[in-house]
């Protein structure tokens, strides 16, 4: 099936990868600064963290009807769902990473007259980075799953849509092909993430 319809599967795989990339980027960009804020401002954590947990506990797929009404079909609703799946693990690890910073290092930076930006660059960011890189691997796995599932209902392209088309026409081979492609995509993304993590950490250790 994959060999007989390569263009079809390549096109839909590309659509899913775009959804993963956009959702991962948006979720990460939102999670890191909020994680920094929650780690540093205790009252903000008390105010917002319960809401964040509630948002994570909510089945994200249940938001699809609302997102379809607001945004229609396609990239926007699916990437929002992927972004939500990425947001929580990155946020939690960002908070944990900042709070893992040795308090003595803060004393040193204050003694040397470092400002907040310098403290972040030289103290907090290197401490937080291993936690973020680990969270990216978890987030990418979740993003792949959520992207495909959301495409069942909220997209006109992608691997999820291809699987749904196979179900509609009782094409078992096509559905199995989508499952295999999704697994391969997940393995490739995990391998790339691990390679980047190893390379970055090797650079920081040196």
N, C-alpha and C. Protein backbone atom coordinates (compact mmCIF):
# COMPACT_ATOMS: atom_id res chain seq x y z
N UNK A 1 0.83 -1.21 0.00
CA UNK A 1 0.00 0.00 0.00
C UNK A 1 0.87 1.26 0.00
N UNK A 2 1.86 1.31 0.88
CA UNK A 2 2.72 2.49 0.92
C UNK A 2 3.49 2.63 -0.39
N UNK A 3 3.95 1.50 -0.92
CA UNK A 3 4.72 1.53 -2.17
C UNK A 3 3.83 1.93 -3.34
N UNK A 4 2.59 1.48 -3.32
CA UNK A 4 1.69 1.77 -4.44
C UNK A 4 1.13 3.18 -4.40
N UNK A 5 1.13 3.83 -3.23
CA UNK A 5 0.61 5.20 -3.10
C UNK A 5 1.59 6.07 -2.33
N UNK A 6 2.83 6.20 -2.82
CA UNK A 6 3.83 6.94 -2.04
C UNK A 6 3.50 8.42 -1.89
N UNK A 7 2.99 9.04 -2.97
CA UNK A 7 2.69 10.46 -2.91
C UNK A 7 1.60 10.76 -1.89
N UNK A 8 0.60 9.90 -1.84
CA UNK A 8 -0.51 10.08 -0.91
C UNK A 8 -0.02 10.07 0.53
N UNK A 9 0.79 9.07 0.87
CA UNK A 9 1.26 8.95 2.25
C UNK A 9 2.31 10.02 2.58
N UNK A 10 3.15 10.38 1.62
CA UNK A 10 4.13 11.44 1.86
C UNK A 10 3.44 12.77 2.12
N UNK A 11 2.41 13.06 1.35
CA UNK A 11 1.67 14.31 1.53
C UNK A 11 1.01 14.37 2.90
N UNK A 12 0.38 13.29 3.30
CA UNK A 12 -0.31 13.28 4.59
C UNK A 12 0.67 13.24 5.76
N UNK A 13 1.80 12.57 5.58
CA UNK A 13 2.83 12.59 6.62
C UNK A 13 3.38 14.00 6.78
N UNK A 14 3.59 14.68 5.66
CA UNK A 14 4.05 16.07 5.73
C UNK A 14 3.08 16.97 6.47
N UNK A 15 1.79 16.78 6.21
CA UNK A 15 0.77 17.57 6.91
C UNK A 15 0.82 17.34 8.41
N UNK A 16 0.97 16.09 8.81
CA UNK A 16 1.05 15.78 10.24
C UNK A 16 2.31 16.36 10.86
N UNK A 17 3.43 16.32 10.15
CA UNK A 17 4.66 16.89 10.68
C UNK A 17 4.56 18.40 10.86
N UNK A 18 3.84 19.06 9.96
CA UNK A 18 3.62 20.50 10.11
C UNK A 18 2.81 20.79 11.37
N UNK A 19 1.77 20.00 11.60
CA UNK A 19 0.95 20.16 12.81
C UNK A 19 1.80 19.96 14.06
N UNK A 20 2.63 18.91 14.05
CA UNK A 20 3.49 18.64 15.20
C UNK A 20 4.46 19.80 15.42
N UNK A 21 5.07 20.29 14.35
CA UNK A 21 6.06 21.35 14.47
C UNK A 21 5.44 22.64 15.00
N UNK A 22 4.30 23.04 14.43
CA UNK A 22 3.65 24.28 14.86
C UNK A 22 3.17 24.16 16.31
N UNK A 23 2.51 23.05 16.63
CA UNK A 23 2.03 22.86 18.00
C UNK A 23 3.15 22.78 19.01
N UNK A 24 4.23 22.06 18.66
CA UNK A 24 5.37 21.95 19.57
C UNK A 24 6.01 23.31 19.80
N UNK A 25 6.19 24.07 18.75
CA UNK A 25 6.80 25.40 18.88
C UNK A 25 5.95 26.31 19.76
N UNK A 26 4.65 26.36 19.48
CA UNK A 26 3.76 27.24 20.25
C UNK A 26 3.68 26.81 21.73
N UNK A 27 3.55 25.51 21.95
CA UNK A 27 3.47 25.02 23.33
C UNK A 27 4.74 25.30 24.10
N UNK A 28 5.89 25.13 23.46
CA UNK A 28 7.18 25.36 24.13
C UNK A 28 7.40 26.84 24.41
N UNK A 29 7.10 27.68 23.42
CA UNK A 29 7.29 29.13 23.58
C UNK A 29 6.40 29.67 24.71
N UNK A 30 5.23 29.11 24.86
CA UNK A 30 4.34 29.54 25.95
C UNK A 30 4.78 28.98 27.30
N UNK A 31 5.29 27.74 27.31
CA UNK A 31 5.56 27.05 28.57
C UNK A 31 6.82 27.56 29.27
N UNK A 32 7.88 27.85 28.52
CA UNK A 32 9.15 28.20 29.16
C UNK A 32 9.06 29.51 29.94
N UNK A 33 8.58 30.62 29.35
CA UNK A 33 8.48 31.84 30.16
C UNK A 33 7.50 31.72 31.32
N UNK A 34 6.40 30.99 31.12
CA UNK A 34 5.47 30.81 32.23
C UNK A 34 6.10 29.96 33.33
N UNK A 35 6.88 28.96 32.95
CA UNK A 35 7.58 28.17 33.94
C UNK A 35 8.54 29.01 34.76
N UNK A 36 9.26 29.90 34.09
CA UNK A 36 10.16 30.81 34.80
C UNK A 36 9.39 31.69 35.78
N UNK A 37 8.26 32.20 35.31
CA UNK A 37 7.46 33.08 36.17
C UNK A 37 6.92 32.33 37.38
N UNK A 38 6.39 31.14 37.16
CA UNK A 38 5.83 30.36 38.27
C UNK A 38 6.92 29.95 39.27
N UNK A 39 8.11 29.68 38.77
CA UNK A 39 9.20 29.26 39.66
C UNK A 39 9.70 30.40 40.53
N UNK A 40 9.57 31.62 40.05
CA UNK A 40 10.14 32.77 40.75
C UNK A 40 9.12 33.56 41.56
N UNK A 41 7.85 33.48 41.19
CA UNK A 41 6.82 34.28 41.87
C UNK A 41 5.83 33.32 42.51
N UNK A 42 5.91 33.19 43.83
CA UNK A 42 5.13 32.17 44.53
C UNK A 42 3.63 32.44 44.44
N UNK A 43 3.24 33.71 44.54
CA UNK A 43 1.80 34.00 44.50
C UNK A 43 1.22 33.71 43.11
N UNK A 44 2.06 33.89 42.08
CA UNK A 44 1.60 33.60 40.72
C UNK A 44 1.41 32.09 40.55
N UNK A 45 2.30 31.32 41.15
CA UNK A 45 2.15 29.87 41.08
C UNK A 45 0.87 29.43 41.79
N UNK A 46 0.61 29.99 42.97
CA UNK A 46 -0.60 29.61 43.70
C UNK A 46 -1.85 29.99 42.92
N UNK A 47 -1.78 31.08 42.16
CA UNK A 47 -2.95 31.54 41.42
C UNK A 47 -3.18 30.76 40.13
N UNK A 48 -2.10 30.44 39.42
CA UNK A 48 -2.24 29.88 38.07
C UNK A 48 -2.06 28.38 38.00
N UNK A 49 -1.26 27.79 38.89
CA UNK A 49 -0.95 26.37 38.75
C UNK A 49 -2.20 25.48 38.82
N UNK A 50 -3.15 25.74 39.72
CA UNK A 50 -4.38 24.92 39.69
C UNK A 50 -5.11 24.98 38.35
N UNK A 51 -5.11 26.15 37.74
CA UNK A 51 -5.75 26.28 36.43
C UNK A 51 -4.99 25.46 35.38
N UNK A 52 -3.65 25.49 35.45
CA UNK A 52 -2.84 24.73 34.51
C UNK A 52 -3.10 23.23 34.67
N UNK A 53 -3.18 22.77 35.91
CA UNK A 53 -3.46 21.35 36.17
C UNK A 53 -4.85 20.98 35.66
N UNK A 54 -5.81 21.86 35.88
CA UNK A 54 -7.17 21.62 35.39
C UNK A 54 -7.19 21.51 33.87
N UNK A 55 -6.43 22.39 33.21
CA UNK A 55 -6.36 22.37 31.76
C UNK A 55 -5.72 21.08 31.26
N UNK A 56 -4.71 20.61 31.98
CA UNK A 56 -4.05 19.38 31.59
C UNK A 56 -4.95 18.17 31.82
N UNK A 57 -5.71 18.19 32.93
CA UNK A 57 -6.58 17.06 33.27
C UNK A 57 -7.77 16.95 32.30
N UNK A 58 -8.14 18.06 31.70
CA UNK A 58 -9.26 18.05 30.76
C UNK A 58 -8.90 17.24 29.51
N UNK A 59 -9.75 16.33 29.06
CA UNK A 59 -9.47 15.62 27.79
C UNK A 59 -9.42 16.62 26.64
N UNK A 60 -8.25 16.79 26.08
CA UNK A 60 -8.06 17.81 25.05
C UNK A 60 -8.91 17.54 23.81
N UNK A 61 -9.15 16.28 23.53
CA UNK A 61 -9.95 15.94 22.36
C UNK A 61 -11.37 16.48 22.48
N UNK A 62 -11.84 16.63 23.72
CA UNK A 62 -13.19 17.16 23.92
C UNK A 62 -13.31 18.61 23.48
N UNK A 63 -12.17 19.28 23.27
CA UNK A 63 -12.20 20.67 22.81
C UNK A 63 -12.37 20.79 21.30
N UNK A 64 -12.27 19.67 20.59
CA UNK A 64 -12.32 19.73 19.13
C UNK A 64 -13.60 20.37 18.60
N UNK A 65 -14.79 20.01 19.10
CA UNK A 65 -16.00 20.67 18.54
C UNK A 65 -15.97 22.19 18.67
N UNK A 66 -15.50 22.67 19.83
CA UNK A 66 -15.43 24.12 20.03
C UNK A 66 -14.41 24.75 19.08
N UNK A 67 -13.26 24.11 18.96
CA UNK A 67 -12.22 24.64 18.08
C UNK A 67 -12.66 24.64 16.61
N UNK A 68 -13.42 23.61 16.22
CA UNK A 68 -13.93 23.57 14.85
C UNK A 68 -14.90 24.72 14.60
N UNK A 69 -15.75 24.99 15.58
CA UNK A 69 -16.71 26.09 15.43
C UNK A 69 -15.97 27.42 15.32
N UNK A 70 -14.95 27.61 16.15
CA UNK A 70 -14.22 28.88 16.16
C UNK A 70 -13.25 29.03 15.00
N UNK A 71 -12.55 27.94 14.66
CA UNK A 71 -11.42 28.05 13.74
C UNK A 71 -11.58 27.26 12.45
N UNK A 72 -12.61 26.40 12.39
CA UNK A 72 -12.78 25.57 11.21
C UNK A 72 -11.87 24.36 11.24
N UNK A 73 -11.73 23.71 10.10
CA UNK A 73 -10.89 22.53 9.98
C UNK A 73 -9.47 22.93 9.58
N UNK A 74 -8.53 22.05 9.89
CA UNK A 74 -7.18 22.25 9.38
C UNK A 74 -6.13 22.46 10.44
N UNK A 75 -5.15 23.30 10.12
CA UNK A 75 -3.95 23.45 10.93
C UNK A 75 -4.23 24.06 12.30
N UNK A 76 -5.09 25.06 12.36
CA UNK A 76 -5.25 25.80 13.60
C UNK A 76 -5.79 24.95 14.75
N UNK A 77 -6.92 24.27 14.60
CA UNK A 77 -7.42 23.49 15.75
C UNK A 77 -6.50 22.33 16.13
N UNK A 78 -5.93 21.67 15.13
CA UNK A 78 -5.07 20.53 15.44
C UNK A 78 -3.77 20.97 16.12
N UNK A 79 -3.19 22.06 15.66
CA UNK A 79 -1.94 22.54 16.27
C UNK A 79 -2.19 23.08 17.67
N UNK A 80 -3.37 23.64 17.93
CA UNK A 80 -3.69 24.09 19.29
C UNK A 80 -3.74 22.90 20.24
N UNK A 81 -4.35 21.82 19.82
CA UNK A 81 -4.41 20.63 20.66
C UNK A 81 -3.01 20.06 20.91
N UNK A 82 -2.18 20.06 19.88
CA UNK A 82 -0.80 19.60 20.06
C UNK A 82 -0.06 20.53 21.02
N UNK A 83 -0.27 21.83 20.87
CA UNK A 83 0.36 22.78 21.77
C UNK A 83 -0.02 22.56 23.23
N UNK A 84 -1.28 22.24 23.46
CA UNK A 84 -1.73 21.96 24.83
C UNK A 84 -1.06 20.71 25.39
N UNK A 85 -0.89 19.70 24.55
CA UNK A 85 -0.24 18.46 25.01
C UNK A 85 1.24 18.68 25.31
N UNK A 86 1.86 19.62 24.62
CA UNK A 86 3.28 19.92 24.83
C UNK A 86 3.47 20.84 26.03
N UNK A 87 2.53 21.72 26.25
CA UNK A 87 2.67 22.79 27.22
C UNK A 87 2.97 22.29 28.63
N UNK A 88 2.21 21.32 29.12
CA UNK A 88 2.31 20.91 30.52
C UNK A 88 3.65 20.26 30.86
N UNK A 89 4.12 19.25 30.11
CA UNK A 89 5.42 18.66 30.47
C UNK A 89 6.58 19.64 30.40
N UNK A 90 6.56 20.54 29.43
CA UNK A 90 7.63 21.53 29.33
C UNK A 90 7.55 22.51 30.49
N UNK A 91 6.33 22.93 30.83
CA UNK A 91 6.14 23.87 31.95
C UNK A 91 6.65 23.27 33.25
N UNK A 92 6.25 22.05 33.56
CA UNK A 92 6.64 21.40 34.81
C UNK A 92 8.15 21.26 34.89
N UNK A 93 8.78 20.86 33.79
CA UNK A 93 10.23 20.69 33.81
C UNK A 93 10.96 22.02 33.86
N UNK A 94 10.40 23.06 33.28
CA UNK A 94 11.00 24.38 33.40
C UNK A 94 10.99 24.85 34.86
N UNK A 95 9.88 24.67 35.53
CA UNK A 95 9.78 25.04 36.95
C UNK A 95 10.78 24.23 37.78
N UNK A 96 10.81 22.92 37.55
CA UNK A 96 11.72 22.05 38.29
C UNK A 96 13.17 22.44 38.04
N UNK A 97 13.49 22.75 36.78
CA UNK A 97 14.86 23.12 36.45
C UNK A 97 15.32 24.38 37.14
N UNK A 98 14.47 25.41 37.14
CA UNK A 98 14.84 26.67 37.80
C UNK A 98 15.01 26.45 39.30
N UNK A 99 14.13 25.68 39.89
CA UNK A 99 14.20 25.47 41.34
C UNK A 99 15.33 24.53 41.73
N UNK A 100 15.94 23.87 40.76
CA UNK A 100 17.09 23.02 41.06
C UNK A 100 18.39 23.81 41.12
N UNK A 101 18.32 25.08 40.79
CA UNK A 101 19.53 25.91 40.82
C UNK A 101 20.05 26.04 42.25
N UNK A 102 21.33 25.83 42.42
CA UNK A 102 21.96 25.93 43.73
C UNK A 102 21.86 27.35 44.26
N UNK A 103 21.34 27.50 45.48
CA UNK A 103 21.17 28.83 46.08
C UNK A 103 22.50 29.57 46.23
N UNK A 104 23.57 28.83 46.40
CA UNK A 104 24.87 29.48 46.55
C UNK A 104 25.27 30.23 45.28
N UNK A 105 24.82 29.72 44.13
CA UNK A 105 25.13 30.40 42.88
C UNK A 105 24.45 31.76 42.81
N UNK A 106 23.23 31.83 43.33
CA UNK A 106 22.56 33.13 43.39
C UNK A 106 23.34 34.11 44.25
N UNK A 107 23.87 33.61 45.35
CA UNK A 107 24.66 34.47 46.24
C UNK A 107 25.89 35.00 45.50
N UNK A 108 26.51 34.14 44.72
CA UNK A 108 27.70 34.55 43.96
C UNK A 108 27.34 35.62 42.94
N UNK A 109 26.24 35.42 42.21
CA UNK A 109 25.86 36.40 41.19
C UNK A 109 25.48 37.74 41.82
N UNK A 110 24.80 37.70 42.96
CA UNK A 110 24.46 38.96 43.63
C UNK A 110 25.72 39.67 44.11
N UNK A 111 26.68 38.90 44.60
CA UNK A 111 27.93 39.49 45.06
C UNK A 111 28.69 40.16 43.92
N UNK A 112 28.61 39.55 42.74
CA UNK A 112 29.31 40.09 41.57
C UNK A 112 28.52 41.18 40.87
N UNK A 113 27.31 41.47 41.34
CA UNK A 113 26.51 42.54 40.75
C UNK A 113 25.81 42.17 39.46
N UNK A 114 25.56 40.89 39.25
CA UNK A 114 24.89 40.47 38.01
C UNK A 114 23.43 40.89 38.02
N UNK A 115 22.91 41.27 36.85
CA UNK A 115 21.49 41.59 36.74
C UNK A 115 20.69 40.33 36.49
N UNK A 116 19.37 40.48 36.37
CA UNK A 116 18.49 39.32 36.23
C UNK A 116 18.77 38.55 34.93
N UNK A 117 19.06 39.28 33.86
CA UNK A 117 19.32 38.63 32.58
C UNK A 117 20.61 37.82 32.63
N UNK A 118 21.63 38.37 33.24
CA UNK A 118 22.90 37.65 33.37
C UNK A 118 22.76 36.43 34.27
N UNK A 119 21.98 36.57 35.33
CA UNK A 119 21.74 35.43 36.22
C UNK A 119 21.03 34.31 35.48
N UNK A 120 20.05 34.68 34.66
CA UNK A 120 19.34 33.67 33.87
C UNK A 120 20.27 33.01 32.87
N UNK A 121 21.06 33.81 32.19
CA UNK A 121 21.91 33.28 31.12
C UNK A 121 22.98 32.33 31.65
N UNK A 122 23.62 32.69 32.74
CA UNK A 122 24.79 31.94 33.20
C UNK A 122 24.49 30.95 34.32
N UNK A 123 23.36 31.11 35.00
CA UNK A 123 23.06 30.24 36.15
C UNK A 123 21.81 29.40 35.90
N UNK A 124 20.69 30.06 35.66
CA UNK A 124 19.42 29.35 35.59
C UNK A 124 19.27 28.55 34.29
N UNK A 125 19.64 29.14 33.17
CA UNK A 125 19.47 28.46 31.89
C UNK A 125 20.28 27.16 31.81
N UNK A 126 21.58 27.15 32.17
CA UNK A 126 22.31 25.87 32.13
C UNK A 126 21.72 24.83 33.08
N UNK A 127 21.17 25.27 34.21
CA UNK A 127 20.58 24.32 35.15
C UNK A 127 19.25 23.78 34.61
N UNK A 128 18.50 24.63 33.97
CA UNK A 128 17.18 24.27 33.48
C UNK A 128 17.25 23.44 32.19
N UNK A 129 18.31 23.62 31.42
CA UNK A 129 18.39 23.03 30.08
C UNK A 129 18.23 21.51 30.06
N UNK A 130 18.92 20.74 30.93
CA UNK A 130 18.73 19.28 30.89
C UNK A 130 17.28 18.87 31.13
N UNK A 131 16.59 19.57 32.02
CA UNK A 131 15.18 19.26 32.29
C UNK A 131 14.33 19.56 31.06
N UNK A 132 14.62 20.67 30.38
CA UNK A 132 13.85 21.01 29.19
C UNK A 132 14.07 20.00 28.07
N UNK A 133 15.30 19.61 27.86
CA UNK A 133 15.59 18.66 26.79
C UNK A 133 14.92 17.32 27.04
N UNK A 134 14.89 16.90 28.30
CA UNK A 134 14.18 15.65 28.63
C UNK A 134 12.68 15.80 28.39
N UNK A 135 12.14 16.96 28.75
CA UNK A 135 10.71 17.18 28.55
C UNK A 135 10.35 17.23 27.07
N UNK A 136 11.28 17.67 26.23
CA UNK A 136 11.00 17.73 24.79
C UNK A 136 10.75 16.33 24.23
N UNK A 137 11.48 15.34 24.70
CA UNK A 137 11.27 13.97 24.23
C UNK A 137 9.89 13.48 24.63
N UNK A 138 9.49 13.77 25.85
CA UNK A 138 8.15 13.39 26.30
C UNK A 138 7.09 14.14 25.50
N UNK A 139 7.32 15.43 25.32
CA UNK A 139 6.35 16.27 24.62
C UNK A 139 6.20 15.86 23.16
N UNK A 140 7.29 15.47 22.50
CA UNK A 140 7.20 15.06 21.11
C UNK A 140 6.40 13.78 20.94
N UNK A 141 6.56 12.86 21.89
CA UNK A 141 5.76 11.63 21.83
C UNK A 141 4.28 11.95 21.98
N UNK A 142 3.95 12.81 22.93
CA UNK A 142 2.55 13.21 23.11
C UNK A 142 2.04 13.98 21.91
N UNK A 143 2.88 14.84 21.35
CA UNK A 143 2.48 15.65 20.20
C UNK A 143 2.14 14.79 19.00
N UNK A 144 2.93 13.75 18.77
CA UNK A 144 2.67 12.86 17.63
C UNK A 144 1.32 12.17 17.77
N UNK A 145 1.05 11.66 18.96
CA UNK A 145 -0.22 10.98 19.19
C UNK A 145 -1.40 11.92 19.05
N UNK A 146 -1.30 13.09 19.70
CA UNK A 146 -2.40 14.05 19.67
C UNK A 146 -2.63 14.58 18.24
N UNK A 147 -1.55 14.79 17.50
CA UNK A 147 -1.69 15.29 16.13
C UNK A 147 -2.50 14.32 15.28
N UNK A 148 -2.17 13.05 15.35
CA UNK A 148 -2.86 12.04 14.54
C UNK A 148 -4.32 11.90 14.99
N UNK A 149 -4.55 11.84 16.30
CA UNK A 149 -5.92 11.69 16.80
C UNK A 149 -6.77 12.90 16.44
N UNK A 150 -6.21 14.11 16.59
CA UNK A 150 -6.99 15.31 16.27
C UNK A 150 -7.33 15.39 14.79
N UNK A 151 -6.48 14.81 13.94
CA UNK A 151 -6.76 14.81 12.51
C UNK A 151 -7.91 13.90 12.13
N UNK A 152 -8.28 12.99 13.01
CA UNK A 152 -9.48 12.17 12.76
C UNK A 152 -10.70 13.06 12.57
N UNK A 153 -10.77 14.14 13.36
CA UNK A 153 -12.00 14.92 13.45
C UNK A 153 -11.87 16.34 12.91
N UNK A 154 -10.68 16.91 12.97
CA UNK A 154 -10.57 18.35 12.73
C UNK A 154 -9.67 18.70 11.55
N UNK A 155 -9.44 17.77 10.64
CA UNK A 155 -8.55 18.06 9.52
C UNK A 155 -9.03 17.38 8.25
N UNK A 156 -8.59 17.91 7.15
CA UNK A 156 -8.87 17.31 5.85
C UNK A 156 -7.61 16.73 5.21
N UNK A 157 -6.58 16.57 6.01
CA UNK A 157 -5.33 15.97 5.55
C UNK A 157 -4.59 15.45 6.77
N UNK A 158 -3.49 14.75 6.54
CA UNK A 158 -2.70 14.21 7.63
C UNK A 158 -2.91 12.72 7.80
N UNK A 159 -2.08 12.12 8.64
CA UNK A 159 -2.15 10.68 8.85
C UNK A 159 -3.45 10.27 9.52
N UNK A 160 -3.93 11.08 10.44
CA UNK A 160 -5.21 10.77 11.08
C UNK A 160 -6.34 10.76 10.08
N UNK A 161 -6.34 11.74 9.20
CA UNK A 161 -7.38 11.80 8.16
C UNK A 161 -7.26 10.61 7.21
N UNK A 162 -6.02 10.22 6.89
CA UNK A 162 -5.81 9.06 6.02
C UNK A 162 -6.33 7.79 6.68
N UNK A 163 -6.10 7.67 7.99
CA UNK A 163 -6.63 6.50 8.72
C UNK A 163 -8.15 6.50 8.72
N UNK A 164 -8.75 7.68 8.93
CA UNK A 164 -10.20 7.78 8.92
C UNK A 164 -10.77 7.42 7.55
N UNK A 165 -10.09 7.85 6.50
CA UNK A 165 -10.52 7.49 5.15
C UNK A 165 -10.45 5.98 4.94
N UNK A 166 -9.39 5.36 5.47
CA UNK A 166 -9.29 3.92 5.37
C UNK A 166 -10.41 3.20 6.11
N UNK A 167 -10.79 3.72 7.27
CA UNK A 167 -11.91 3.13 8.03
C UNK A 167 -13.21 3.30 7.26
N UNK A 168 -13.38 4.48 6.67
CA UNK A 168 -14.63 4.75 5.94
C UNK A 168 -14.82 3.79 4.78
N UNK A 169 -13.73 3.45 4.10
CA UNK A 169 -13.81 2.54 2.95
C UNK A 169 -13.42 1.11 3.30
N UNK A 170 -13.31 0.85 4.60
CA UNK A 170 -12.97 -0.50 5.09
C UNK A 170 -11.66 -1.00 4.47
N UNK A 171 -10.71 -0.09 4.37
CA UNK A 171 -9.41 -0.43 3.80
C UNK A 171 -8.44 -0.69 4.95
N UNK A 172 -8.40 -1.93 5.39
CA UNK A 172 -7.58 -2.29 6.53
C UNK A 172 -6.10 -2.05 6.27
N UNK A 173 -5.67 -2.29 5.06
CA UNK A 173 -4.26 -2.11 4.72
C UNK A 173 -3.84 -0.66 4.88
N UNK A 174 -4.69 0.26 4.46
CA UNK A 174 -4.37 1.68 4.58
C UNK A 174 -4.28 2.09 6.05
N UNK A 175 -5.18 1.60 6.86
CA UNK A 175 -5.16 1.93 8.29
C UNK A 175 -3.88 1.41 8.93
N UNK A 176 -3.52 0.18 8.61
CA UNK A 176 -2.29 -0.40 9.17
C UNK A 176 -1.07 0.39 8.68
N UNK A 177 -1.10 0.81 7.43
CA UNK A 177 0.01 1.61 6.89
C UNK A 177 0.17 2.91 7.67
N UNK A 178 -0.95 3.55 8.00
CA UNK A 178 -0.90 4.79 8.78
C UNK A 178 -0.32 4.53 10.16
N UNK A 179 -0.73 3.44 10.78
CA UNK A 179 -0.20 3.09 12.11
C UNK A 179 1.31 2.90 12.04
N UNK A 180 1.78 2.20 11.03
CA UNK A 180 3.22 1.95 10.90
C UNK A 180 3.98 3.25 10.63
N UNK A 181 3.44 4.09 9.77
CA UNK A 181 4.10 5.37 9.48
C UNK A 181 4.16 6.24 10.73
N UNK A 182 3.06 6.26 11.49
CA UNK A 182 3.04 7.04 12.73
C UNK A 182 4.10 6.55 13.71
N UNK A 183 4.25 5.24 13.81
CA UNK A 183 5.27 4.68 14.69
C UNK A 183 6.66 5.08 14.23
N UNK A 184 6.90 5.03 12.91
CA UNK A 184 8.21 5.41 12.38
C UNK A 184 8.48 6.89 12.65
N UNK A 185 7.47 7.73 12.45
CA UNK A 185 7.62 9.16 12.73
C UNK A 185 7.97 9.38 14.19
N UNK A 186 7.29 8.67 15.08
CA UNK A 186 7.57 8.80 16.51
C UNK A 186 9.00 8.40 16.85
N UNK A 187 9.46 7.30 16.26
CA UNK A 187 10.83 6.84 16.51
C UNK A 187 11.84 7.85 15.98
N UNK A 188 11.61 8.37 14.80
CA UNK A 188 12.53 9.34 14.21
C UNK A 188 12.60 10.61 15.05
N UNK A 189 11.45 11.12 15.47
CA UNK A 189 11.43 12.34 16.29
C UNK A 189 12.12 12.11 17.62
N UNK A 190 11.90 10.96 18.22
CA UNK A 190 12.56 10.65 19.49
C UNK A 190 14.08 10.55 19.31
N UNK A 191 14.49 9.92 18.21
CA UNK A 191 15.93 9.79 17.94
C UNK A 191 16.57 11.16 17.71
N UNK A 192 15.90 12.00 16.93
CA UNK A 192 16.42 13.35 16.69
C UNK A 192 16.51 14.14 17.98
N UNK A 193 15.46 14.04 18.80
CA UNK A 193 15.46 14.76 20.08
C UNK A 193 16.60 14.29 20.98
N UNK A 194 16.79 12.98 21.02
CA UNK A 194 17.87 12.43 21.86
C UNK A 194 19.24 12.85 21.32
N UNK A 195 19.39 12.88 20.00
CA UNK A 195 20.66 13.30 19.40
C UNK A 195 20.97 14.75 19.74
N UNK A 196 19.94 15.61 19.60
CA UNK A 196 20.12 17.02 19.95
C UNK A 196 20.45 17.17 21.43
N UNK A 197 19.74 16.43 22.27
CA UNK A 197 20.00 16.49 23.71
C UNK A 197 21.43 16.09 24.03
N UNK A 198 21.89 15.00 23.46
CA UNK A 198 23.26 14.54 23.72
C UNK A 198 24.28 15.55 23.23
N UNK A 199 24.02 16.12 22.04
CA UNK A 199 24.96 17.11 21.50
C UNK A 199 25.02 18.38 22.33
N UNK A 200 23.87 18.88 22.74
CA UNK A 200 23.84 20.10 23.54
C UNK A 200 24.48 19.89 24.90
N UNK A 201 24.16 18.77 25.55
CA UNK A 201 24.72 18.50 26.86
C UNK A 201 26.22 18.26 26.79
N UNK A 202 26.69 17.66 25.70
CA UNK A 202 28.12 17.45 25.54
C UNK A 202 28.84 18.80 25.42
N UNK A 203 28.18 19.74 24.73
CA UNK A 203 28.76 21.06 24.58
C UNK A 203 28.82 21.79 25.92
N UNK A 204 27.76 21.69 26.71
CA UNK A 204 27.73 22.38 27.99
C UNK A 204 28.71 21.76 28.98
N UNK A 205 28.85 20.44 28.93
CA UNK A 205 29.78 19.80 29.86
C UNK A 205 31.23 20.13 29.54
N UNK A 206 31.49 20.36 28.23
CA UNK A 206 32.85 20.69 27.85
C UNK A 206 33.19 22.16 28.14
